[in-house]
Amino acid sequence: MKAYTTFNVAQIDGLPERYYAKAEPVRDPIERIEQADRFFANTGAVIRHGGDRAYYSPSSDHIQMPPFQTFRDAASFVAVLSHEVTHWTAASHRVNRDLSRYAKDRSERAREELIAELGSCFLCADLGIVPELEPRPDHASYLDSWLKVLADDKRAIFSAAAHAQRAVAFLHGLQPTASEDREAA
């Protein structure tokens, strides 16, 4: 192990200008998408906020999302939450997709991730949201794993789409009907 002495740039005189980078202005807070917030609230899913990763935890049956403010825009937040809530539907008391081999089998993980991504696309379309997601380092590995599954099983895309549609239909089924909305008002 080595020790290093570090200094704040403000403590050093005579550095080239590039070391005195201007702080990025705080961007305006992004507005939430009300109908999407209402949709996800109506699912009853436990959604926790914090950290820097989005995931669904089957063992505690909760969705973990990074803080809303860390997303580029509200549509990006909704797209990621849609992906995770599609995973959430897999529980046996919901649509009953088997996730027991998710952590052990790459092809099963790829299948579930394809289902979740298709479910996210379906949900965003249903909610009228068109996200422009920023590329992430794991996108290439996701695509590679999907291509392997699709190459090995010509019907995999149809199966994944069917599972995603069942998940989305389940989520829509959790929404109040128009008459229930009127009664609540």
C-alpha atoms as a PDB file:
ATOM      1  CA  MET A   1       0.000   0.000   0.000  1.00  0.00           C
ATOM      2  CA  LYS A   2       1.133   3.493  -0.770  1.00  0.00           C
ATOM      3  CA  ALA A   3       0.128   6.783   0.746  1.00  0.00           C
ATOM      4  CA  TYR A   4      -0.388   9.894  -1.350  1.00  0.00           C
ATOM      5  CA  THR A   5      -0.774  13.490  -0.300  1.00  0.00           C
ATOM      6  CA  THR A   6      -3.595  15.184  -2.185  1.00  0.00           C
ATOM      7  CA  PHE A   7      -4.621  18.799  -2.415  1.00  0.00           C
ATOM      8  CA  ASN A   8      -7.777  20.546  -3.446  1.00  0.00           C
ATOM      9  CA  VAL A   9      -7.305  22.575  -6.647  1.00  0.00           C
ATOM     10  CA  ALA A  10      -8.331  25.693  -4.726  1.00  0.00           C
ATOM     11  CA  GLN A  11      -5.266  25.177  -2.503  1.00  0.00           C
ATOM     12  CA  ILE A  12      -2.751  25.306  -5.392  1.00  0.00           C
ATOM     13  CA  ASP A  13      -1.623  28.466  -7.185  1.00  0.00           C
ATOM     14  CA  GLY A  14      -0.397  28.616 -10.771  1.00  0.00           C
ATOM     15  CA  LEU A  15      -2.055  25.537 -12.268  1.00  0.00           C
ATOM     16  CA  PRO A  16      -3.098  25.584 -15.938  1.00  0.00           C
ATOM     17  CA  GLU A  17      -6.694  26.730 -16.508  1.00  0.00           C
ATOM     18  CA  ARG A  18      -7.945  23.208 -17.358  1.00  0.00           C
ATOM     19  CA  TYR A  19      -7.617  22.269 -13.684  1.00  0.00           C
ATOM     20  CA  TYR A  20     -10.113  24.935 -12.691  1.00  0.00           C
ATOM     21  CA  ALA A  21     -13.142  23.369 -14.370  1.00  0.00           C
ATOM     22  CA  LYS A  22     -16.342  25.247 -13.875  1.00  0.00           C
ATOM     23  CA  ALA A  23     -18.973  23.415 -11.904  1.00  0.00           C
ATOM     24  CA  GLU A  24     -21.847  22.183 -14.020  1.00  0.00           C
ATOM     25  CA  PRO A  25     -24.976  24.168 -13.306  1.00  0.00           C
ATOM     26  CA  VAL A  26     -27.586  22.178 -11.433  1.00  0.00           C
ATOM     27  CA  ARG A  27     -30.095  21.101 -14.001  1.00  0.00           C
ATOM     28  CA  ASP A  28     -33.688  21.977 -13.487  1.00  0.00           C
ATOM     29  CA  PRO A  29     -35.505  19.336 -11.556  1.00  0.00           C
ATOM     30  CA  ILE A  30     -37.232  17.049 -13.997  1.00  0.00           C
ATOM     31  CA  GLU A  31     -40.949  16.734 -13.776  1.00  0.00           C
ATOM     32  CA  ARG A  32     -42.426  13.387 -12.979  1.00  0.00           C
ATOM     33  CA  ILE A  33     -44.961  11.794 -15.302  1.00  0.00           C
ATOM     34  CA  GLU A  34     -48.129  11.713 -13.243  1.00  0.00           C
ATOM     35  CA  GLN A  35     -49.977   8.917 -15.059  1.00  0.00           C
ATOM     36  CA  ALA A  36     -46.886   6.679 -14.829  1.00  0.00           C
ATOM     37  CA  ASP A  37     -46.457   7.410 -11.109  1.00  0.00           C
ATOM     38  CA  ARG A  38     -50.122   6.557 -10.573  1.00  0.00           C
ATOM     39  CA  PHE A  39     -49.806   3.378 -12.664  1.00  0.00           C
ATOM     40  CA  PHE A  40     -46.846   2.071 -10.636  1.00  0.00           C
ATOM     41  CA  ALA A  41     -48.419   3.078  -7.320  1.00  0.00           C
ATOM     42  CA  ASN A  42     -51.518   1.064  -8.228  1.00  0.00           C
ATOM     43  CA  THR A  43     -49.444  -2.100  -8.702  1.00  0.00           C
ATOM     44  CA  GLY A  44     -48.728  -2.271  -4.979  1.00  0.00           C
ATOM     45  CA  ALA A  45     -45.080  -3.097  -5.669  1.00  0.00           C
ATOM     46  CA  VAL A  46     -42.678  -2.068  -2.935  1.00  0.00           C
ATOM     47  CA  ILE A  47     -40.361   0.408  -4.641  1.00  0.00           C
ATOM     48  CA  ARG A  48     -37.372   1.681  -2.687  1.00  0.00           C
ATOM     49  CA  HIS A  49     -35.184   4.550  -3.824  1.00  0.00           C
ATOM     50  CA  GLY A  50     -31.457   4.923  -3.245  1.00  0.00           C
ATOM     51  CA  GLY A  51     -28.163   3.547  -4.399  1.00  0.00           C
ATOM     52  CA  ASP A  52     -26.906   3.503  -7.949  1.00  0.00           C
ATOM     53  CA  ARG A  53     -28.478   0.325  -9.366  1.00  0.00           C
ATOM     54  CA  ALA A  54     -31.959  -0.671 -10.394  1.00  0.00           C
ATOM     55  CA  TYR A  55     -32.993  -4.252  -9.648  1.00  0.00           C
ATOM     56  CA  TYR A  56     -35.765  -6.506  -8.445  1.00  0.00           C
ATOM     57  CA  SER A  57     -34.996  -8.605  -5.379  1.00  0.00           C
ATOM     58  CA  PRO A  58     -37.087 -11.811  -5.364  1.00  0.00           C
ATOM     59  CA  SER A  59     -35.990 -12.688  -1.822  1.00  0.00           C
ATOM     60  CA  SER A  60     -37.439  -9.512  -0.312  1.00  0.00           C
ATOM     61  CA  ASP A  61     -39.943  -8.914  -3.140  1.00  0.00           C
ATOM     62  CA  HIS A  62     -38.994  -5.291  -3.651  1.00  0.00           C
ATOM     63  CA  ILE A  63     -37.780  -3.112  -6.483  1.00  0.00           C
ATOM     64  CA  GLN A  64     -34.734  -0.936  -5.865  1.00  0.00           C
ATOM     65  CA  MET A  65     -34.387   2.208  -7.977  1.00  0.00           C
ATOM     66  CA  PRO A  66     -31.726   4.922  -7.998  1.00  0.00           C
ATOM     67  CA  PRO A  67     -33.074   8.343  -6.974  1.00  0.00           C
ATOM     68  CA  PHE A  68     -35.339   9.938  -9.559  1.00  0.00           C
ATOM     69  CA  GLN A  69     -33.019  12.929  -9.907  1.00  0.00           C
ATOM     70  CA  THR A  70     -30.172  10.743 -11.194  1.00  0.00           C
ATOM     71  CA  PHE A  71     -32.024   9.998 -14.433  1.00  0.00           C
ATOM     72  CA  ARG A  72     -31.654  12.174 -17.502  1.00  0.00           C
ATOM     73  CA  ASP A  73     -35.403  12.621 -17.748  1.00  0.00           C
ATOM     74  CA  ALA A  74     -38.662  11.211 -16.439  1.00  0.00           C
ATOM     75  CA  ALA A  75     -39.136   8.949 -19.463  1.00  0.00           C
ATOM     76  CA  SER A  76     -35.799   7.244 -18.751  1.00  0.00           C
ATOM     77  CA  PHE A  77     -36.855   6.681 -15.143  1.00  0.00           C
ATOM     78  CA  VAL A  78     -40.170   5.167 -16.282  1.00  0.00           C
ATOM     79  CA  ALA A  79     -38.414   2.870 -18.778  1.00  0.00           C
ATOM     80  CA  VAL A  80     -36.094   1.471 -16.104  1.00  0.00           C
ATOM     81  CA  LEU A  81     -38.906   1.117 -13.569  1.00  0.00           C
ATOM     82  CA  SER A  82     -41.037  -0.625 -16.218  1.00  0.00           C
ATOM     83  CA  HIS A  83     -38.217  -3.122 -16.743  1.00  0.00           C
ATOM     84  CA  GLU A  84     -37.944  -3.837 -13.020  1.00  0.00           C
ATOM     85  CA  VAL A  85     -41.697  -4.051 -12.446  1.00  0.00           C
ATOM     86  CA  THR A  86     -41.856  -6.620 -15.256  1.00  0.00           C
ATOM     87  CA  HIS A  87     -39.337  -8.702 -13.272  1.00  0.00           C
ATOM     88  CA  TRP A  88     -41.552  -8.142 -10.190  1.00  0.00           C
ATOM     89  CA  THR A  89     -44.475  -9.863 -11.929  1.00  0.00           C
ATOM     90  CA  ALA A  90     -42.527 -13.144 -12.048  1.00  0.00           C
ATOM     91  CA  ALA A  91     -43.388 -14.074  -8.436  1.00  0.00           C
ATOM     92  CA  SER A  92     -45.463 -17.241  -8.024  1.00  0.00           C
ATOM     93  CA  HIS A  93     -48.468 -15.294  -6.682  1.00  0.00           C
ATOM     94  CA  ARG A  94     -48.418 -13.011  -9.723  1.00  0.00           C
ATOM     95  CA  VAL A  95     -47.772 -14.510 -13.190  1.00  0.00           C
ATOM     96  CA  ASN A  96     -45.468 -17.264 -11.918  1.00  0.00           C
ATOM     97  CA  ARG A  97     -42.342 -17.139 -14.094  1.00  0.00           C
ATOM     98  CA  ASP A  98     -39.644 -19.328 -12.620  1.00  0.00           C
ATOM     99  CA  LEU A  99     -36.609 -17.243 -11.606  1.00  0.00           C
ATOM    100  CA  SER A 100     -34.925 -20.030  -9.628  1.00  0.00           C
ATOM    101  CA  ARG A 101     -32.206 -20.504 -12.269  1.00  0.00           C
ATOM    102  CA  TYR A 102     -31.747 -16.793 -13.028  1.00  0.00           C
ATOM    103  CA  ALA A 103     -28.473 -16.468 -11.077  1.00  0.00           C
ATOM    104  CA  LYS A 104     -27.094 -19.843 -12.175  1.00  0.00           C
ATOM    105  CA  ASP A 105     -27.890 -20.127 -15.872  1.00  0.00           C
ATOM    106  CA  ARG A 106     -26.863 -17.439 -18.373  1.00  0.00           C
ATOM    107  CA  SER A 107     -29.462 -18.444 -20.926  1.00  0.00           C
ATOM    108  CA  GLU A 108     -32.236 -18.285 -18.313  1.00  0.00           C
ATOM    109  CA  ARG A 109     -30.979 -14.858 -17.251  1.00  0.00           C
ATOM    110  CA  ALA A 110     -30.957 -13.731 -20.880  1.00  0.00           C
ATOM    111  CA  ARG A 111     -34.524 -14.999 -21.376  1.00  0.00           C
ATOM    112  CA  GLU A 112     -35.784 -13.151 -18.293  1.00  0.00           C
ATOM    113  CA  GLU A 113     -33.957  -9.965 -19.256  1.00  0.00           C
ATOM    114  CA  LEU A 114     -35.482 -10.140 -22.727  1.00  0.00           C
ATOM    115  CA  ILE A 115     -38.929 -10.560 -21.173  1.00  0.00           C
ATOM    116  CA  ALA A 116     -38.328  -7.577 -18.884  1.00  0.00           C
ATOM    117  CA  GLU A 117     -37.072  -5.405 -21.729  1.00  0.00           C
ATOM    118  CA  LEU A 118     -40.026  -6.278 -23.948  1.00  0.00           C
ATOM    119  CA  GLY A 119     -42.357  -5.669 -20.999  1.00  0.00           C
ATOM    120  CA  SER A 120     -40.755  -2.273 -20.507  1.00  0.00           C
ATOM    121  CA  CYS A 121     -41.312  -1.439 -24.173  1.00  0.00           C
ATOM    122  CA  PHE A 122     -44.954  -2.553 -24.000  1.00  0.00           C
ATOM    123  CA  LEU A 123     -45.592  -0.570 -20.802  1.00  0.00           C
ATOM    124  CA  CYS A 124     -43.933   2.574 -22.100  1.00  0.00           C
ATOM    125  CA  ALA A 125     -46.011   2.345 -25.280  1.00  0.00           C
ATOM    126  CA  ASP A 126     -49.190   1.852 -23.232  1.00  0.00           C
ATOM    127  CA  LEU A 127     -48.309   4.864 -21.075  1.00  0.00           C
ATOM    128  CA  GLY A 128     -47.482   6.989 -24.125  1.00  0.00           C
ATOM    129  CA  ILE A 129     -43.848   7.397 -23.125  1.00  0.00           C
ATOM    130  CA  VAL A 130     -40.964   7.356 -25.590  1.00  0.00           C
ATOM    131  CA  PRO A 131     -37.713   7.119 -23.628  1.00  0.00           C
ATOM    132  CA  GLU A 132     -34.349   7.858 -25.163  1.00  0.00           C
ATOM    133  CA  LEU A 133     -32.104   5.762 -22.983  1.00  0.00           C
ATOM    134  CA  GLU A 134     -28.429   6.487 -22.807  1.00  0.00           C
ATOM    135  CA  PRO A 135     -26.175   3.574 -23.752  1.00  0.00           C
ATOM    136  CA  ARG A 136     -24.851   1.712 -20.733  1.00  0.00           C
ATOM    137  CA  PRO A 137     -21.856  -0.613 -20.436  1.00  0.00           C
ATOM    138  CA  ASP A 138     -24.098  -3.650 -19.851  1.00  0.00           C
ATOM    139  CA  HIS A 139     -26.209  -3.115 -22.991  1.00  0.00           C
ATOM    140  CA  ALA A 140     -23.681  -4.892 -25.222  1.00  0.00           C
ATOM    141  CA  SER A 141     -23.566  -7.943 -22.952  1.00  0.00           C
ATOM    142  CA  TYR A 142     -27.387  -8.008 -22.772  1.00  0.00           C
ATOM    143  CA  LEU A 143     -27.631  -7.931 -26.554  1.00  0.00           C
ATOM    144  CA  ASP A 144     -24.987 -10.618 -26.896  1.00  0.00           C
ATOM    145  CA  SER A 145     -26.815 -12.909 -24.456  1.00  0.00           C
ATOM    146  CA  TRP A 146     -30.142 -12.309 -26.236  1.00  0.00           C
ATOM    147  CA  LEU A 147     -28.604 -13.102 -29.613  1.00  0.00           C
ATOM    148  CA  LYS A 148     -27.264 -16.405 -28.276  1.00  0.00           C
ATOM    149  CA  VAL A 149     -30.691 -17.365 -26.905  1.00  0.00           C
ATOM    150  CA  LEU A 150     -32.406 -16.327 -30.138  1.00  0.00           C
ATOM    151  CA  ALA A 151     -29.882 -18.256 -32.254  1.00  0.00           C
ATOM    152  CA  ASP A 152     -30.376 -21.420 -30.162  1.00  0.00           C
ATOM    153  CA  ASP A 153     -34.172 -21.227 -30.070  1.00  0.00           C
ATOM    154  CA  LYS A 154     -36.030 -19.772 -33.050  1.00  0.00           C
ATOM    155  CA  ARG A 155     -39.211 -19.440 -30.966  1.00  0.00           C
ATOM    156  CA  ALA A 156     -37.543 -17.648 -28.043  1.00  0.00           C
ATOM    157  CA  ILE A 157     -38.679 -14.197 -29.174  1.00  0.00           C
ATOM    158  CA  PHE A 158     -42.289 -15.366 -29.370  1.00  0.00           C
ATOM    159  CA  SER A 159     -42.087 -16.965 -25.943  1.00  0.00           C
ATOM    160  CA  ALA A 160     -40.479 -13.857 -24.439  1.00  0.00           C
ATOM    161  CA  ALA A 161     -43.083 -11.598 -26.031  1.00  0.00           C
ATOM    162  CA  ALA A 162     -45.894 -13.802 -24.712  1.00  0.00           C
ATOM    163  CA  HIS A 163     -44.439 -13.736 -21.185  1.00  0.00           C
ATOM    164  CA  ALA A 164     -43.962  -9.963 -21.408  1.00  0.00           C
ATOM    165  CA  GLN A 165     -47.549  -9.509 -22.583  1.00  0.00           C
ATOM    166  CA  ARG A 166     -48.847 -11.621 -19.674  1.00  0.00           C
ATOM    167  CA  ALA A 167     -46.800  -9.503 -17.266  1.00  0.00           C
ATOM    168  CA  VAL A 168     -48.124  -6.255 -18.747  1.00  0.00           C
ATOM    169  CA  ALA A 169     -51.715  -7.573 -18.737  1.00  0.00           C
ATOM    170  CA  PHE A 170     -51.268  -8.494 -15.068  1.00  0.00           C
ATOM    171  CA  LEU A 171     -50.036  -4.971 -14.286  1.00  0.00           C
ATOM    172  CA  HIS A 172     -52.960  -3.427 -16.156  1.00  0.00           C
ATOM    173  CA  GLY A 173     -55.269  -5.706 -14.187  1.00  0.00           C
ATOM    174  CA  LEU A 174     -54.031  -4.067 -10.981  1.00  0.00           C
ATOM    175  CA  GLN A 175     -55.228  -0.655 -12.171  1.00  0.00           C
ATOM    176  CA  PRO A 176     -58.584   0.669 -10.946  1.00  0.00           C
ATOM    177  CA  THR A 177     -61.407   0.690 -13.450  1.00  0.00           C
ATOM    178  CA  ALA A 178     -62.957   3.969 -14.606  1.00  0.00           C
ATOM    179  CA  SER A 179     -65.914   3.457 -12.232  1.00  0.00           C
ATOM    180  CA  GLU A 180     -63.545   2.906  -9.296  1.00  0.00           C
ATOM    181  CA  ASP A 181     -61.740   6.132 -10.226  1.00  0.00           C
ATOM    182  CA  ARG A 182     -65.025   8.050 -10.222  1.00  0.00           C
ATOM    183  CA  GLU A 183     -66.008   6.584  -6.840  1.00  0.00           C
ATOM    184  CA  ALA A 184     -62.652   7.585  -5.353  1.00  0.00           C
ATOM    185  CA  ALA A 185     -63.136  11.166  -6.579  1.00  0.00           C
END
